Amino acid sequence: LASPFIYYNDVPDAELDSRPSLKKVLNGVTAMKPPFSAKQSIKTQANPSVRVQIFSKSERSKYECQIYVEMFSEIYQKIISRQLKKTI
């Protein structure tokens, strides 16, 4: 089973140094999650589905986060289907 983890990795080092709790979350030291996260399964024609989890970089509402989940789901469905077509 593949479980892609989508996250933002463009946080500058200076920003991480000034926020030790954020640095711990990004480095996997603590299991805390940002307050706005969403999970969704992406299904292709063949089973099983792929579980995707998206964390919000800024303070956005749960509704806006859901819009991003739908957008990323469509993008990753296209990417996964293209890669599968290349291997078939």
PDB file of N, CA and C in Angstrom:
ATOM      1  N   LEU A   1       0.820  -1.182   0.000  1.00  0.00           N
ATOM      2  CA  LEU A   1       0.000   0.000   0.000  1.00  0.00           C
ATOM      3  C   LEU A   1       0.867   1.249   0.000  1.00  0.00           C
ATOM      4  N   ALA A   2       0.516   2.196  -0.809  1.00  0.00           N
ATOM      5  CA  ALA A   2       1.220   3.479  -0.858  1.00  0.00           C
ATOM      6  C   ALA A   2       0.371   4.529  -0.166  1.00  0.00           C
ATOM      7  N   SER A   3       0.978   5.310   0.681  1.00  0.00           N
ATOM      8  CA  SER A   3       0.277   6.399   1.361  1.00  0.00           C
ATOM      9  C   SER A   3       1.031   7.697   1.141  1.00  0.00           C
ATOM     10  N   PRO A   4       0.775   8.387   0.038  1.00  0.00           N
ATOM     11  CA  PRO A   4       1.489   9.649  -0.209  1.00  0.00           C
ATOM     12  C   PRO A   4       1.192  10.663   0.884  1.00  0.00           C
ATOM     13  N   PHE A   5       2.191  11.426   1.222  1.00  0.00           N
ATOM     14  CA  PHE A   5       2.063  12.465   2.238  1.00  0.00           C
ATOM     15  C   PHE A   5       2.400  13.781   1.571  1.00  0.00           C
ATOM     16  N   ILE A   6       1.411  14.645   1.426  1.00  0.00           N
ATOM     17  CA  ILE A   6       1.600  15.917   0.737  1.00  0.00           C
ATOM     18  C   ILE A   6       1.804  16.992   1.789  1.00  0.00           C
ATOM     19  N   TYR A   7       2.892  17.725   1.650  1.00  0.00           N
ATOM     20  CA  TYR A   7       3.163  18.775   2.620  1.00  0.00           C
ATOM     21  C   TYR A   7       3.943  19.890   1.952  1.00  0.00           C
ATOM     22  N   TYR A   8       4.008  21.016   2.606  1.00  0.00           N
ATOM     23  CA  TYR A   8       4.756  22.154   2.089  1.00  0.00           C
ATOM     24  C   TYR A   8       6.160  22.102   2.657  1.00  0.00           C
ATOM     25  N   ASN A   9       7.157  22.107   1.779  1.00  0.00           N
ATOM     26  CA  ASN A   9       8.537  22.048   2.254  1.00  0.00           C
ATOM     27  C   ASN A   9       9.305  23.316   1.912  1.00  0.00           C
ATOM     28  N   ASP A  10       8.613  24.388   1.662  1.00  0.00           N
ATOM     29  CA  ASP A  10       9.278  25.634   1.289  1.00  0.00           C
ATOM     30  C   ASP A  10       9.396  26.610   2.458  1.00  0.00           C
ATOM     31  N   VAL A  11       9.378  26.090   3.670  1.00  0.00           N
ATOM     32  CA  VAL A  11       9.521  26.947   4.847  1.00  0.00           C
ATOM     33  C   VAL A  11      11.009  27.252   5.024  1.00  0.00           C
ATOM     34  N   PRO A  12      11.406  28.525   5.042  1.00  0.00           N
ATOM     35  CA  PRO A  12      12.825  28.878   5.185  1.00  0.00           C
ATOM     36  C   PRO A  12      13.397  28.416   6.527  1.00  0.00           C
ATOM     37  N   ASP A  13      14.703  28.118   6.543  1.00  0.00           N
ATOM     38  CA  ASP A  13      15.361  27.670   7.769  1.00  0.00           C
ATOM     39  C   ASP A  13      15.253  28.710   8.879  1.00  0.00           C
ATOM     40  N   ALA A  14      15.346  29.990   8.528  1.00  0.00           N
ATOM     41  CA  ALA A  14      15.237  31.046   9.538  1.00  0.00           C
ATOM     42  C   ALA A  14      13.869  31.007  10.219  1.00  0.00           C
ATOM     43  N   GLU A  15      12.851  30.689   9.449  1.00  0.00           N
ATOM     44  CA  GLU A  15      11.492  30.588  10.006  1.00  0.00           C
ATOM     45  C   GLU A  15      11.393  29.391  10.947  1.00  0.00           C
ATOM     46  N   LEU A  16      12.010  28.278  10.550  1.00  0.00           N
ATOM     47  CA  LEU A  16      11.982  27.089  11.402  1.00  0.00           C
ATOM     48  C   LEU A  16      12.750  27.310  12.699  1.00  0.00           C
ATOM     49  N   ASP A  17      13.872  28.022  12.615  1.00  0.00           N
ATOM     50  CA  ASP A  17      14.674  28.277  13.812  1.00  0.00           C
ATOM     51  C   ASP A  17      13.926  29.135  14.822  1.00  0.00           C
ATOM     52  N   SER A  18      13.073  30.022  14.342  1.00  0.00           N
ATOM     53  CA  SER A  18      12.319  30.882  15.255  1.00  0.00           C
ATOM     54  C   SER A  18      11.049  30.211  15.781  1.00  0.00           C
ATOM     55  N   ARG A  19      10.703  29.054  15.227  1.00  0.00           N
ATOM     56  CA  ARG A  19       9.498  28.334  15.667  1.00  0.00           C
ATOM     57  C   ARG A  19       9.851  26.874  15.955  1.00  0.00           C
ATOM     58  N   PRO A  20      10.367  26.592  17.139  1.00  0.00           N
ATOM     59  CA  PRO A  20      10.813  25.233  17.450  1.00  0.00           C
ATOM     60  C   PRO A  20       9.697  24.190  17.406  1.00  0.00           C
ATOM     61  N   SER A  21       8.476  24.569  17.751  1.00  0.00           N
ATOM     62  CA  SER A  21       7.386  23.586  17.709  1.00  0.00           C
ATOM     63  C   SER A  21       7.061  23.190  16.271  1.00  0.00           C
ATOM     64  N   LEU A  22       7.123  24.143  15.341  1.00  0.00           N
ATOM     65  CA  LEU A  22       6.906  23.822  13.930  1.00  0.00           C
ATOM     66  C   LEU A  22       8.019  22.916  13.410  1.00  0.00           C
ATOM     67  N   LYS A  23       9.244  23.195  13.821  1.00  0.00           N
ATOM     68  CA  LYS A  23      10.388  22.377  13.406  1.00  0.00           C
ATOM     69  C   LYS A  23      10.224  20.932  13.887  1.00  0.00           C
ATOM     70  N   LYS A  24       9.729  20.751  15.116  1.00  0.00           N
ATOM     71  CA  LYS A  24       9.509  19.407  15.651  1.00  0.00           C
ATOM     72  C   LYS A  24       8.436  18.661  14.857  1.00  0.00           C
ATOM     73  N   VAL A  25       7.378  19.359  14.468  1.00  0.00           N
ATOM     74  CA  VAL A  25       6.311  18.728  13.688  1.00  0.00           C
ATOM     75  C   VAL A  25       6.836  18.306  12.318  1.00  0.00           C
ATOM     76  N   LEU A  26       7.569  19.196  11.643  1.00  0.00           N
ATOM     77  CA  LEU A  26       8.074  18.892  10.307  1.00  0.00           C
ATOM     78  C   LEU A  26       9.124  17.795  10.318  1.00  0.00           C
ATOM     79  N   ASN A  27       9.905  17.703  11.397  1.00  0.00           N
ATOM     80  CA  ASN A  27      10.936  16.668  11.500  1.00  0.00           C
ATOM     81  C   ASN A  27      10.395  15.358  12.054  1.00  0.00           C
ATOM     82  N   GLY A  28       9.123  15.322  12.399  1.00  0.00           N
ATOM     83  CA  GLY A  28       8.510  14.091  12.879  1.00  0.00           C
ATOM     84  C   GLY A  28       8.778  13.788  14.342  1.00  0.00           C
ATOM     85  N   VAL A  29       9.297  14.749  15.095  1.00  0.00           N
ATOM     86  CA  VAL A  29       9.572  14.540  16.514  1.00  0.00           C
ATOM     87  C   VAL A  29       8.267  14.445  17.295  1.00  0.00           C
ATOM     88  N   THR A  30       7.315  15.305  16.992  1.00  0.00           N
ATOM     89  CA  THR A  30       6.005  15.246  17.632  1.00  0.00           C
ATOM     90  C   THR A  30       4.969  14.799  16.610  1.00  0.00           C
ATOM     91  N   ALA A  31       3.922  14.198  17.112  1.00  0.00           N
ATOM     92  CA  ALA A  31       2.868  13.682  16.233  1.00  0.00           C
ATOM     93  C   ALA A  31       1.737  14.673  16.055  1.00  0.00           C
ATOM     94  N   MET A  32       1.969  15.933  16.442  1.00  0.00           N
ATOM     95  CA  MET A  32       0.923  16.949  16.295  1.00  0.00           C
ATOM     96  C   MET A  32       0.654  17.214  14.821  1.00  0.00           C
ATOM     97  N   LYS A  33      -0.578  17.520  14.537  1.00  0.00           N
ATOM     98  CA  LYS A  33      -0.962  17.887  13.180  1.00  0.00           C
ATOM     99  C   LYS A  33      -1.466  19.322  13.194  1.00  0.00           C
ATOM    100  N   PRO A  34      -1.253  20.038  12.103  1.00  0.00           N
ATOM    101  CA  PRO A  34      -1.829  21.383  12.031  1.00  0.00           C
ATOM    102  C   PRO A  34      -3.348  21.309  12.179  1.00  0.00           C
ATOM    103  N   PRO A  35      -3.970  22.391  12.621  1.00  0.00           N
ATOM    104  CA  PRO A  35      -5.405  22.335  12.896  1.00  0.00           C
ATOM    105  C   PRO A  35      -6.269  22.071  11.674  1.00  0.00           C
ATOM    106  N   PHE A  36      -5.813  22.428  10.505  1.00  0.00           N
ATOM    107  CA  PHE A  36      -6.619  22.228   9.307  1.00  0.00           C
ATOM    108  C   PHE A  36      -5.960  21.172   8.436  1.00  0.00           C
ATOM    109  N   SER A  37      -6.462  19.968   8.517  1.00  0.00           N
ATOM    110  CA  SER A  37      -5.955  18.904   7.666  1.00  0.00           C
ATOM    111  C   SER A  37      -7.150  18.155   7.101  1.00  0.00           C
ATOM    112  N   ALA A  38      -6.939  17.509   6.006  1.00  0.00           N
ATOM    113  CA  ALA A  38      -8.023  16.764   5.376  1.00  0.00           C
ATOM    114  C   ALA A  38      -7.466  15.489   4.783  1.00  0.00           C
ATOM    115  N   LYS A  39      -8.276  14.448   4.787  1.00  0.00           N
ATOM    116  CA  LYS A  39      -7.879  13.165   4.222  1.00  0.00           C
ATOM    117  C   LYS A  39      -8.900  12.773   3.169  1.00  0.00           C
ATOM    118  N   GLN A  40      -8.411  12.125   2.134  1.00  0.00           N
ATOM    119  CA  GLN A  40      -9.322  11.652   1.106  1.00  0.00           C
ATOM    120  C   GLN A  40      -8.666  10.497   0.374  1.00  0.00           C
ATOM    121  N   SER A  41      -9.463   9.573  -0.105  1.00  0.00           N
ATOM    122  CA  SER A  41      -8.947   8.461  -0.893  1.00  0.00           C
ATOM    123  C   SER A  41      -9.101   8.773  -2.368  1.00  0.00           C
ATOM    124  N   ILE A  42      -8.060   8.471  -3.134  1.00  0.00           N
ATOM    125  CA  ILE A  42      -8.114   8.633  -4.582  1.00  0.00           C
ATOM    126  C   ILE A  42      -8.285   7.245  -5.172  1.00  0.00           C
ATOM    127  N   LYS A  43      -9.308   7.071  -5.976  1.00  0.00           N
ATOM    128  CA  LYS A  43      -9.554   5.764  -6.575  1.00  0.00           C
ATOM    129  C   LYS A  43      -9.286   5.810  -8.066  1.00  0.00           C
ATOM    130  N   THR A  44      -8.668   4.760  -8.553  1.00  0.00           N
ATOM    131  CA  THR A  44      -8.521   4.574  -9.990  1.00  0.00           C
ATOM    132  C   THR A  44      -9.502   3.474 -10.379  1.00  0.00           C
ATOM    133  N   GLN A  45      -9.464   3.066 -11.628  1.00  0.00           N
ATOM    134  CA  GLN A  45     -10.387   2.011 -12.038  1.00  0.00           C
ATOM    135  C   GLN A  45     -10.047   0.692 -11.360  1.00  0.00           C
ATOM    136  N   ALA A  46      -8.775   0.489 -11.084  1.00  0.00           N
ATOM    137  CA  ALA A  46      -8.363  -0.715 -10.370  1.00  0.00           C
ATOM    138  C   ALA A  46      -8.261  -0.393  -8.879  1.00  0.00           C
ATOM    139  N   ASN A  47      -8.577  -1.354  -8.050  1.00  0.00           N
ATOM    140  CA  ASN A  47      -8.443  -1.162  -6.602  1.00  0.00           C
ATOM    141  C   ASN A  47      -7.034  -1.499  -6.193  1.00  0.00           C
ATOM    142  N   PRO A  48      -6.526  -1.118  -5.087  1.00  0.00           N
ATOM    143  CA  PRO A  48      -7.135  -0.362  -4.008  1.00  0.00           C
ATOM    144  C   PRO A  48      -6.977   1.136  -4.211  1.00  0.00           C
ATOM    145  N   SER A  49      -7.640   1.892  -3.375  1.00  0.00           N
ATOM    146  CA  SER A  49      -7.535   3.348  -3.452  1.00  0.00           C
ATOM    147  C   SER A  49      -6.274   3.807  -2.726  1.00  0.00           C
ATOM    148  N   VAL A  50      -5.825   5.017  -3.046  1.00  0.00           N
ATOM    149  CA  VAL A  50      -4.636   5.592  -2.420  1.00  0.00           C
ATOM    150  C   VAL A  50      -5.094   6.666  -1.450  1.00  0.00           C
ATOM    151  N   ARG A  51      -4.611   6.595  -0.227  1.00  0.00           N
ATOM    152  CA  ARG A  51      -5.003   7.544   0.818  1.00  0.00           C
ATOM    153  C   ARG A  51      -4.102   8.775   0.747  1.00  0.00           C
ATOM    154  N   VAL A  52      -4.696   9.966   0.693  1.00  0.00           N
ATOM    155  CA  VAL A  52      -3.956  11.221   0.594  1.00  0.00           C
ATOM    156  C   VAL A  52      -4.335  12.092   1.783  1.00  0.00           C
ATOM    157  N   GLN A  53      -3.334  12.702   2.403  1.00  0.00           N
ATOM    158  CA  GLN A  53      -3.579  13.613   3.522  1.00  0.00           C
ATOM    159  C   GLN A  53      -2.931  14.949   3.199  1.00  0.00           C
ATOM    160  N   ILE A  54      -3.707  16.026   3.295  1.00  0.00           N
ATOM    161  CA  ILE A  54      -3.228  17.362   2.946  1.00  0.00           C
ATOM    162  C   ILE A  54      -3.330  18.254   4.178  1.00  0.00           C
ATOM    163  N   PHE A  55      -2.241  18.938   4.474  1.00  0.00           N
ATOM    164  CA  PHE A  55      -2.211  19.883   5.585  1.00  0.00           C
ATOM    165  C   PHE A  55      -2.213  21.289   5.027  1.00  0.00           C
ATOM    166  N   SER A  56      -2.948  22.159   5.665  1.00  0.00           N
ATOM    167  CA  SER A  56      -3.005  23.546   5.242  1.00  0.00           C
ATOM    168  C   SER A  56      -1.789  24.295   5.763  1.00  0.00           C
ATOM    169  N   LYS A  57      -1.182  25.108   4.897  1.00  0.00           N
ATOM    170  CA  LYS A  57      -0.008  25.892   5.285  1.00  0.00           C
ATOM    171  C   LYS A  57      -0.414  27.118   6.090  1.00  0.00           C
ATOM    172  N   SER A  58      -1.514  27.690   5.769  1.00  0.00           N
ATOM    173  CA  SER A  58      -1.964  28.887   6.474  1.00  0.00           C
ATOM    174  C   SER A  58      -3.280  28.591   7.177  1.00  0.00           C
ATOM    175  N   GLU A  59      -3.761  29.546   7.919  1.00  0.00           N
ATOM    176  CA  GLU A  59      -5.012  29.356   8.641  1.00  0.00           C
ATOM    177  C   GLU A  59      -6.187  29.553   7.697  1.00  0.00           C
ATOM    178  N   ARG A  60      -6.656  28.481   7.162  1.00  0.00           N
ATOM    179  CA  ARG A  60      -7.797  28.514   6.245  1.00  0.00           C
ATOM    180  C   ARG A  60      -8.939  27.724   6.871  1.00  0.00           C
ATOM    181  N   SER A  61     -10.105  27.990   6.409  1.00  0.00           N
ATOM    182  CA  SER A  61     -11.255  27.272   6.938  1.00  0.00           C
ATOM    183  C   SER A  61     -11.250  25.837   6.435  1.00  0.00           C
ATOM    184  N   LYS A  62     -11.996  25.000   7.111  1.00  0.00           N
ATOM    185  CA  LYS A  62     -12.119  23.597   6.710  1.00  0.00           C
ATOM    186  C   LYS A  62     -12.720  23.501   5.310  1.00  0.00           C
ATOM    187  N   TYR A  63     -13.616  24.415   4.963  1.00  0.00           N
ATOM    188  CA  TYR A  63     -14.232  24.410   3.634  1.00  0.00           C
ATOM    189  C   TYR A  63     -13.185  24.655   2.556  1.00  0.00           C
ATOM    190  N   GLU A  64     -12.319  25.647   2.774  1.00  0.00           N
ATOM    191  CA  GLU A  64     -11.278  25.931   1.792  1.00  0.00           C
ATOM    192  C   GLU A  64     -10.311  24.770   1.690  1.00  0.00           C
ATOM    193  N   CYS A  65     -10.017  24.143   2.812  1.00  0.00           N
ATOM    194  CA  CYS A  65      -9.123  22.986   2.804  1.00  0.00           C
ATOM    195  C   CYS A  65      -9.745  21.857   1.978  1.00  0.00           C
ATOM    196  N   GLN A  66     -11.062  21.670   2.064  1.00  0.00           N
ATOM    197  CA  GLN A  66     -11.742  20.638   1.285  1.00  0.00           C
ATOM    198  C   GLN A  66     -11.637  20.925  -0.206  1.00  0.00           C
ATOM    199  N   ILE A  67     -11.682  22.196  -0.585  1.00  0.00           N
ATOM    200  CA  ILE A  67     -11.522  22.553  -1.998  1.00  0.00           C
ATOM    201  C   ILE A  67     -10.140  22.132  -2.483  1.00  0.00           C
ATOM    202  N   TYR A  68      -9.115  22.375  -1.648  1.00  0.00           N
ATOM    203  CA  TYR A  68      -7.764  21.968  -2.018  1.00  0.00           C
ATOM    204  C   TYR A  68      -7.649  20.453  -2.133  1.00  0.00           C
ATOM    205  N   VAL A  69      -8.324  19.727  -1.254  1.00  0.00           N
ATOM    206  CA  VAL A  69      -8.302  18.266  -1.324  1.00  0.00           C
ATOM    207  C   VAL A  69      -8.859  17.806  -2.658  1.00  0.00           C
ATOM    208  N   GLU A  70      -9.983  18.384  -3.066  1.00  0.00           N
ATOM    209  CA  GLU A  70     -10.579  17.996  -4.337  1.00  0.00           C
ATOM    210  C   GLU A  70      -9.661  18.346  -5.502  1.00  0.00           C
ATOM    211  N   MET A  71      -9.027  19.516  -5.440  1.00  0.00           N
ATOM    212  CA  MET A  71      -8.124  19.935  -6.505  1.00  0.00           C
ATOM    213  C   MET A  71      -6.914  18.999  -6.583  1.00  0.00           C
ATOM    214  N   PHE A  72      -6.283  18.718  -5.422  1.00  0.00           N
ATOM    215  CA  PHE A  72      -5.126  17.828  -5.413  1.00  0.00           C
ATOM    216  C   PHE A  72      -5.516  16.415  -5.824  1.00  0.00           C
ATOM    217  N   SER A  73      -6.716  15.974  -5.452  1.00  0.00           N
ATOM    218  CA  SER A  73      -7.171  14.644  -5.840  1.00  0.00           C
ATOM    219  C   SER A  73      -7.229  14.514  -7.348  1.00  0.00           C
ATOM    220  N   GLU A  74      -7.772  15.526  -8.007  1.00  0.00           N
ATOM    221  CA  GLU A  74      -7.847  15.490  -9.466  1.00  0.00           C
ATOM    222  C   GLU A  74      -6.453  15.483 -10.086  1.00  0.00           C
ATOM    223  N   ILE A  75      -5.564  16.301  -9.551  1.00  0.00           N
ATOM    224  CA  ILE A  75      -4.199  16.367 -10.082  1.00  0.00           C
ATOM    225  C   ILE A  75      -3.505  15.019  -9.921  1.00  0.00           C
ATOM    226  N   TYR A  76      -3.575  14.435  -8.723  1.00  0.00           N
ATOM    227  CA  TYR A  76      -2.884  13.176  -8.486  1.00  0.00           C
ATOM    228  C   TYR A  76      -3.540  12.013  -9.209  1.00  0.00           C
ATOM    229  N   GLN A  77      -4.832  12.062  -9.441  1.00  0.00           N
ATOM    230  CA  GLN A  77      -5.468  11.036 -10.259  1.00  0.00           C
ATOM    231  C   GLN A  77      -4.886  11.053 -11.661  1.00  0.00           C
ATOM    232  N   LYS A  78      -4.697  12.250 -12.213  1.00  0.00           N
ATOM    233  CA  LYS A  78      -4.114  12.367 -13.550  1.00  0.00           C
ATOM    234  C   LYS A  78      -2.683  11.862 -13.567  1.00  0.00           C
ATOM    235  N   ILE A  79      -1.898  12.240 -12.562  1.00  0.00           N
ATOM    236  CA  ILE A  79      -0.500  11.809 -12.504  1.00  0.00           C
ATOM    237  C   ILE A  79      -0.405  10.296 -12.367  1.00  0.00           C
ATOM    238  N   ILE A  80      -1.192   9.731 -11.461  1.00  0.00           N
ATOM    239  CA  ILE A  80      -1.151   8.285 -11.241  1.00  0.00           C
ATOM    240  C   ILE A  80      -1.604   7.541 -12.485  1.00  0.00           C
ATOM    241  N   SER A  81      -2.668   8.002 -13.133  1.00  0.00           N
ATOM    242  CA  SER A  81      -3.148   7.301 -14.325  1.00  0.00           C
ATOM    243  C   SER A  81      -2.143   7.391 -15.467  1.00  0.00           C
ATOM    244  N   ARG A  82      -1.457   8.538 -15.623  1.00  0.00           N
ATOM    245  CA  ARG A  82      -0.418   8.648 -16.652  1.00  0.00           C
ATOM    246  C   ARG A  82       0.720   7.673 -16.392  1.00  0.00           C
ATOM    247  N   GLN A  83       1.146   7.587 -15.143  1.00  0.00           N
ATOM    248  CA  GLN A  83       2.240   6.680 -14.801  1.00  0.00           C
ATOM    249  C   GLN A  83       1.828   5.221 -15.010  1.00  0.00           C
ATOM    250  N   LEU A  84       0.592   4.897 -14.673  1.00  0.00           N
ATOM    251  CA  LEU A  84       0.122   3.530 -14.880  1.00  0.00           C
ATOM    252  C   LEU A  84       0.035   3.198 -16.365  1.00  0.00           C
ATOM    253  N   LYS A  85      -0.393   4.161 -17.183  1.00  0.00           N
ATOM    254  CA  LYS A  85      -0.474   3.928 -18.625  1.00  0.00           C
ATOM    255  C   LYS A  85       0.900   3.692 -19.229  1.00  0.00           C
ATOM    256  N   LYS A  86       1.930   4.362 -18.696  1.00  0.00           N
ATOM    257  CA  LYS A  86       3.288   4.170 -19.202  1.00  0.00           C
ATOM    258  C   LYS A  86       3.804   2.766 -18.917  1.00  0.00           C
ATOM    259  N   THR A  87       3.399   2.190 -17.795  1.00  0.00           N
ATOM    260  CA  THR A  87       3.912   0.880 -17.404  1.00  0.00           C
ATOM    261  C   THR A  87       3.110  -0.272 -17.989  1.00  0.00           C
ATOM    262  N   ILE A  88       1.946   0.019 -18.525  1.00  0.00           N
ATOM    263  CA  ILE A  88       1.103  -1.054 -19.081  1.00  0.00           C
ATOM    264  C   ILE A  88       1.442  -1.272 -20.532  1.00  0.00           C
TER     265      ILE A  88
END
